[in-house]
Amino acid sequence: MNLGFGEVAIILVVALLLFGPKKLPQLGRAAGQTLHEFKRGMKNVMEDEDETKRKIDANK
């Protein structure tokens, strides 16, 4: 899903109209933190999966 400049601009304008200029920085910060936590969780899952595979391979 690739968004162009026009689509991003429309999304920002709609968000500005819905939430107002005071809420947008808070919403952006919350979205960034959520994305960061999601990436950290996925990294942990991948590391756990790799560790499990190594243990299985070591027992063969």
Protein backbone atom coordinates (compact mmCIF):
# COMPACT_ATOMS: atom_id res chain seq x y z
CA MET A 1 0.00 0.00 0.00
CA ASN A 2 1.79 3.09 -1.24
CA LEU A 3 0.34 6.48 -0.44
CA GLY A 4 1.19 9.47 -2.56
CA PHE A 5 1.50 13.05 -1.42
CA GLY A 6 -2.12 13.83 -2.32
CA GLU A 7 -3.52 10.96 -0.27
CA VAL A 8 -1.39 11.84 2.75
CA ALA A 9 -2.45 15.49 2.49
CA ILE A 10 -6.13 14.52 2.40
CA ILE A 11 -5.71 12.24 5.43
CA LEU A 12 -3.98 15.03 7.36
CA VAL A 13 -6.67 17.57 6.50
CA VAL A 14 -9.44 15.18 7.57
CA ALA A 15 -7.58 14.38 10.80
CA LEU A 16 -7.14 18.10 11.46
CA LEU A 17 -10.85 18.69 10.96
CA LEU A 18 -11.86 15.74 13.14
CA PHE A 19 -9.46 16.18 16.05
CA GLY A 20 -8.35 19.80 15.92
CA PRO A 21 -4.84 21.21 15.95
CA LYS A 22 -4.27 20.65 19.68
CA LYS A 23 -4.93 16.89 19.56
CA LEU A 24 -2.90 16.05 16.43
CA PRO A 25 0.54 16.07 18.11
CA GLN A 26 -0.77 13.79 20.86
CA LEU A 27 -2.29 11.43 18.31
CA GLY A 28 0.93 11.37 16.28
CA ARG A 29 2.98 10.65 19.37
CA ALA A 30 0.63 7.86 20.42
CA ALA A 31 0.71 6.34 16.94
CA GLY A 32 4.52 6.46 16.92
CA GLN A 33 4.75 4.80 20.33
CA THR A 34 2.28 2.13 19.27
CA LEU A 35 4.27 1.39 16.13
CA HIS A 36 7.50 1.25 18.17
CA GLU A 37 5.97 -1.22 20.64
CA PHE A 38 4.61 -3.35 17.81
CA LYS A 39 8.02 -3.52 16.14
CA ARG A 40 9.67 -4.41 19.45
CA GLY A 41 7.11 -7.17 20.03
CA MET A 42 7.62 -8.58 16.54
CA LYS A 43 11.39 -8.55 17.06
CA ASN A 44 10.97 -10.51 20.29
CA VAL A 45 8.72 -13.05 18.56
CA MET A 46 11.25 -13.52 15.77
CA GLU A 47 14.10 -13.93 18.27
CA ASP A 48 12.09 -16.50 20.24
CA GLU A 49 11.31 -18.38 17.05
CA ASP A 50 14.98 -18.42 16.03
CA GLU A 51 16.00 -19.66 19.48
CA THR A 52 13.40 -22.44 19.33
CA LYS A 53 14.66 -23.52 15.90
CA ARG A 54 18.26 -23.60 17.18
CA LYS A 55 17.23 -25.76 20.14
CA ILE A 56 15.35 -28.16 17.87
CA ASP A 57 18.31 -28.38 15.49
CA ALA A 58 20.71 -28.98 18.40
CA ASN A 59 18.60 -31.90 19.63
CA LYS A 60 18.62 -33.70 16.26
